Amino acid sequence: MSMPPDDKPPRRAIRSYVVRAGRMGTGQVRALAELAPRWVLPYTAQPADFAAAFGREAPRVVEIGFGMGDATAQIAAARPATDFVGIEVHPPGVGALLQRIEERGLTNLRIVQHDAVEVLEHMVAPASLAGVHVFFPDPWHKKRHHKRRLIQAPFVALLASRIAPGGYLHCATDWQPYAEQMLEVLSAEPLLANRFEGYAPRPDYRPLTKFENRGLKLGHGVWDLIFTRAR
């Protein structure tokens, strides 16, 4: 027996993440309570005034899924003339990055704790970003889960639309099949052009993570891809 139209379950929205449980340390809990009001920007369904949030006009880079935020903080510390917006949904990671902001005294880094798709669609104006970082997104190893991978054509088109002409998209992964998919999808986006023939050498601004360093010592590969918005 079919359900009446009004009784159909609501359509699930596409998300850029899967919620996972994570243990919160006491320092992370304190950081969320005390530091979030200063450094976490509330999600709004309209373009954000990032210049007001940072107190200046500067090139702006968005990082999607910063994990525990160590690389994010290192990059922001090394590039003080650039403003960074980290997007992450998981509270332990947000708390950890807030701790690093406080420890390093960073003023050029803000966080949005919300789904990246909605943030990019509503808070980030078209052609406004100097760059986008997507470092080590979940590779979803099993074939039946590949549809959950973040780097797919519709999302890349959204990213490209938010990058200003001359700006860049930098992705990195330690899973070769995902790297191959990334290269194929990014190469097919008409707004983007590959800066290199295939994969890119790791630029100096992207620090090696502890996990990555351990993998390299074991002979595991890491693949960087850097594309520029051409027009």
Protein backbone atom coordinates (compact mmCIF):
# COMPACT_ATOMS: atom_id res chain seq x y z
CA MET A 1 0.00 0.00 0.00
CA SER A 2 1.49 3.36 -1.05
CA MET A 3 1.84 6.25 1.35
CA PRO A 4 -0.17 9.45 0.77
CA PRO A 5 2.06 12.25 -0.60
CA ASP A 6 1.98 14.20 2.68
CA ASP A 7 3.20 11.17 4.61
CA LYS A 8 6.33 10.52 2.56
CA PRO A 9 9.55 10.75 4.55
CA PRO A 10 11.49 13.97 3.91
CA ARG A 11 14.25 13.86 1.31
CA ARG A 12 17.69 13.64 2.92
CA ALA A 13 19.97 16.53 2.04
CA ILE A 14 23.43 15.81 0.67
CA ARG A 15 26.12 16.40 3.27
CA SER A 16 29.88 16.88 2.99
CA TYR A 17 30.53 14.77 6.07
CA VAL A 18 29.40 11.82 8.19
CA VAL A 19 28.95 12.43 11.90
CA ARG A 20 31.25 10.27 14.01
CA ALA A 21 31.52 10.09 17.76
CA GLY A 22 34.67 11.58 19.22
CA ARG A 23 35.98 11.86 22.74
CA MET A 24 36.47 15.38 24.02
CA GLY A 25 39.43 16.24 26.21
CA THR A 26 39.00 18.70 29.04
CA GLY A 27 41.08 21.27 27.16
CA GLN A 28 38.88 20.94 24.08
CA VAL A 29 35.72 21.30 26.16
CA ARG A 30 37.13 24.46 27.76
CA ALA A 31 38.18 25.85 24.39
CA LEU A 32 34.70 25.33 22.93
CA ALA A 33 33.11 27.05 25.92
CA GLU A 34 35.54 29.94 26.27
CA LEU A 35 37.09 30.54 22.85
CA ALA A 36 34.35 29.66 20.38
CA PRO A 37 32.48 32.96 20.84
CA ARG A 38 35.63 34.78 19.66
CA TRP A 39 36.86 32.56 16.83
CA VAL A 40 33.89 30.48 15.59
CA LEU A 41 31.65 32.27 13.12
CA PRO A 42 27.96 31.29 13.30
CA TYR A 43 26.49 29.75 10.19
CA THR A 44 24.16 32.07 8.32
CA ALA A 45 22.16 31.39 5.17
CA GLN A 46 23.48 34.59 3.59
CA PRO A 47 26.89 35.94 2.52
CA ALA A 48 29.14 36.48 5.52
CA ASP A 49 31.01 39.73 6.10
CA PHE A 50 34.42 38.14 6.44
CA ALA A 51 36.19 41.49 6.25
CA ALA A 52 34.35 42.57 9.40
CA ALA A 53 35.05 39.22 11.09
CA PHE A 54 38.81 39.56 10.47
CA GLY A 55 38.93 43.32 10.82
CA ARG A 56 40.66 43.75 7.47
CA GLU A 57 40.56 43.04 3.72
CA ALA A 58 43.02 40.27 2.82
CA PRO A 59 43.26 37.24 0.52
CA ARG A 60 41.02 34.53 1.94
CA VAL A 61 41.53 30.76 1.88
CA VAL A 62 38.97 28.16 2.98
CA GLU A 63 40.02 24.77 4.35
CA ILE A 64 37.41 22.01 4.33
CA GLY A 65 37.61 19.31 6.97
CA PHE A 66 40.66 20.35 8.99
CA GLY A 67 40.58 17.37 11.35
CA MET A 68 42.43 18.27 14.56
CA GLY A 69 43.73 21.47 13.00
CA ASP A 70 47.49 21.10 13.43
CA ALA A 71 48.34 21.72 9.77
CA THR A 72 45.73 24.48 9.59
CA ALA A 73 47.34 26.37 12.47
CA GLN A 74 50.84 25.90 11.02
CA ILE A 75 49.76 27.25 7.63
CA ALA A 76 47.97 30.25 9.16
CA ALA A 77 51.01 31.04 11.33
CA ALA A 78 53.33 30.91 8.30
CA ARG A 79 51.07 33.11 6.12
CA PRO A 80 49.98 36.05 8.32
CA ALA A 81 48.99 38.19 5.33
CA THR A 82 46.27 35.67 4.37
CA ASP A 83 43.02 35.05 6.24
CA PHE A 84 41.91 31.43 6.70
CA VAL A 85 38.44 30.01 7.30
CA GLY A 86 38.40 26.40 8.50
CA ILE A 87 35.21 24.40 8.07
CA GLU A 88 34.74 21.38 10.33
CA VAL A 89 31.72 19.74 11.97
CA HIS A 90 33.35 17.53 14.60
CA PRO A 91 33.58 19.17 18.07
CA PRO A 92 36.90 17.54 19.12
CA GLY A 93 38.62 18.98 16.05
CA VAL A 94 37.06 22.41 16.52
CA GLY A 95 38.12 22.40 20.17
CA ALA A 96 41.66 21.32 19.28
CA LEU A 97 42.06 24.07 16.67
CA LEU A 98 40.72 26.66 19.10
CA GLN A 99 43.45 25.60 21.52
CA ARG A 100 46.07 26.08 18.79
CA ILE A 101 44.69 29.51 17.91
CA GLU A 102 45.08 30.54 21.54
CA GLU A 103 48.54 28.97 21.97
CA ARG A 104 49.93 30.59 18.81
CA GLY A 105 48.09 33.89 19.17
CA LEU A 106 46.66 33.59 15.66
CA THR A 107 44.47 36.43 14.46
CA ASN A 108 44.06 35.35 10.82
CA LEU A 109 42.05 32.17 11.41
CA ARG A 110 38.32 31.66 11.94
CA ILE A 111 36.19 28.51 12.13
CA VAL A 112 32.71 27.66 10.85
CA GLN A 113 31.29 24.54 12.50
CA HIS A 114 28.79 23.53 9.84
CA ASP A 115 28.36 21.49 6.68
CA ALA A 116 30.80 22.72 4.02
CA VAL A 117 28.30 22.50 1.17
CA GLU A 118 25.87 24.88 2.89
CA VAL A 119 28.67 27.21 3.99
CA LEU A 120 29.99 27.49 0.45
CA GLU A 121 26.55 27.86 -1.07
CA HIS A 122 25.29 30.53 1.31
CA MET A 123 28.11 32.19 3.25
CA VAL A 124 30.84 32.43 0.61
CA ALA A 125 30.28 34.81 -2.28
CA PRO A 126 31.07 33.65 -5.84
CA ALA A 127 34.62 34.34 -7.07
CA SER A 128 35.73 35.60 -3.64
CA LEU A 129 38.39 33.12 -2.49
CA ALA A 130 42.12 33.17 -3.11
CA GLY A 131 42.26 29.43 -2.49
CA VAL A 132 40.64 26.28 -1.14
CA HIS A 133 42.41 23.46 0.74
CA VAL A 134 41.00 19.92 0.94
CA PHE A 135 43.61 17.80 2.70
CA PHE A 136 43.14 14.07 3.24
CA PRO A 137 39.36 13.79 2.96
CA ASP A 138 37.87 10.42 3.89
CA PRO A 139 38.73 8.06 0.96
CA TRP A 140 35.79 5.72 1.59
CA HIS A 141 37.80 2.69 0.53
CA LYS A 142 34.93 0.29 -0.22
CA LYS A 143 33.52 0.57 -3.73
CA ARG A 144 29.93 0.78 -2.52
CA HIS A 145 30.91 3.86 -0.48
CA HIS A 146 32.66 5.76 -3.30
CA LYS A 147 29.53 7.86 -3.81
CA ARG A 148 30.21 9.39 -0.38
CA ARG A 149 33.56 10.82 -1.43
CA LEU A 150 33.74 14.58 -1.18
CA ILE A 151 35.62 15.28 -4.42
CA GLN A 152 32.97 14.67 -7.04
CA ALA A 153 31.86 16.77 -10.01
CA PRO A 154 29.00 18.77 -8.40
CA PHE A 155 31.05 19.71 -5.35
CA VAL A 156 34.10 20.63 -7.44
CA ALA A 157 31.88 22.87 -9.59
CA LEU A 158 30.71 24.62 -6.42
CA LEU A 159 34.29 25.04 -5.20
CA ALA A 160 35.42 26.41 -8.56
CA SER A 161 32.58 28.95 -8.57
CA ARG A 162 33.73 30.35 -5.21
CA ILE A 163 37.40 30.73 -6.22
CA ALA A 164 38.41 34.00 -7.83
CA PRO A 165 40.12 33.92 -11.24
CA GLY A 166 43.78 33.15 -10.57
CA GLY A 167 42.96 31.47 -7.27
CA TYR A 168 43.73 27.84 -6.56
CA LEU A 169 42.26 24.55 -5.34
CA HIS A 170 44.72 22.27 -3.50
CA CYS A 171 43.71 18.69 -2.69
CA ALA A 172 45.85 15.99 -1.10
CA THR A 173 45.26 12.30 -0.38
CA ASP A 174 47.26 9.26 0.70
CA TRP A 175 44.95 6.81 -1.12
CA GLN A 176 46.01 6.31 -4.75
CA PRO A 177 42.61 5.26 -6.17
CA TYR A 178 41.09 8.41 -4.69
CA ALA A 179 43.97 10.46 -6.11
CA GLU A 180 43.18 9.06 -9.55
CA GLN A 181 39.51 9.95 -9.14
CA MET A 182 40.43 13.45 -7.95
CA LEU A 183 42.67 14.00 -10.96
CA GLU A 184 39.92 12.87 -13.33
CA VAL A 185 37.18 14.97 -11.71
CA LEU A 186 39.29 18.12 -11.32
CA SER A 187 40.56 17.87 -14.90
CA ALA A 188 36.98 17.70 -16.17
CA GLU A 189 35.90 20.94 -14.45
CA PRO A 190 35.92 23.68 -17.15
CA LEU A 191 36.75 26.51 -14.73
CA LEU A 192 39.93 24.79 -13.49
CA ALA A 193 43.34 24.20 -15.06
CA ASN A 194 46.04 21.91 -13.69
CA ARG A 195 49.21 23.76 -12.67
CA PHE A 196 51.24 20.62 -13.30
CA GLU A 197 51.31 17.62 -15.59
CA GLY A 198 49.32 15.29 -13.38
CA TYR A 199 50.16 15.40 -9.67
CA ALA A 200 51.93 18.29 -7.98
CA PRO A 201 54.97 18.29 -5.71
CA ARG A 202 54.02 19.07 -2.12
CA PRO A 203 54.30 22.85 -1.73
CA ASP A 204 56.26 24.20 1.21
CA TYR A 205 53.17 25.71 2.81
CA ARG A 206 51.54 22.30 3.39
CA PRO A 207 53.30 20.78 6.40
CA LEU A 208 53.80 17.06 6.82
CA THR A 209 51.43 15.62 9.41
CA LYS A 210 52.61 13.00 11.91
CA PHE A 211 50.38 10.44 10.21
CA GLU A 212 51.74 11.36 6.77
CA ASN A 213 55.35 11.24 7.98
CA ARG A 214 54.78 7.79 9.43
CA GLY A 215 53.21 6.60 6.18
CA LEU A 216 56.05 7.96 4.05
CA LYS A 217 58.58 6.09 6.20
CA LEU A 218 56.61 2.91 5.50
CA GLY A 219 56.69 3.58 1.77
CA HIS A 220 53.14 4.89 1.44
CA GLY A 221 52.50 7.54 -1.19
CA VAL A 222 50.88 10.96 -0.91
CA TRP A 223 49.40 12.77 -3.90
CA ASP A 224 48.90 16.53 -4.15
CA LEU A 225 46.80 18.18 -6.84
CA ILE A 226 46.86 21.94 -7.44
CA PHE A 227 44.46 23.49 -9.92
CA THR A 228 43.94 27.17 -10.77
CA ARG A 229 40.74 28.91 -11.73
CA ALA A 230 41.56 30.12 -15.20
CA ARG A 231 38.71 32.54 -15.84
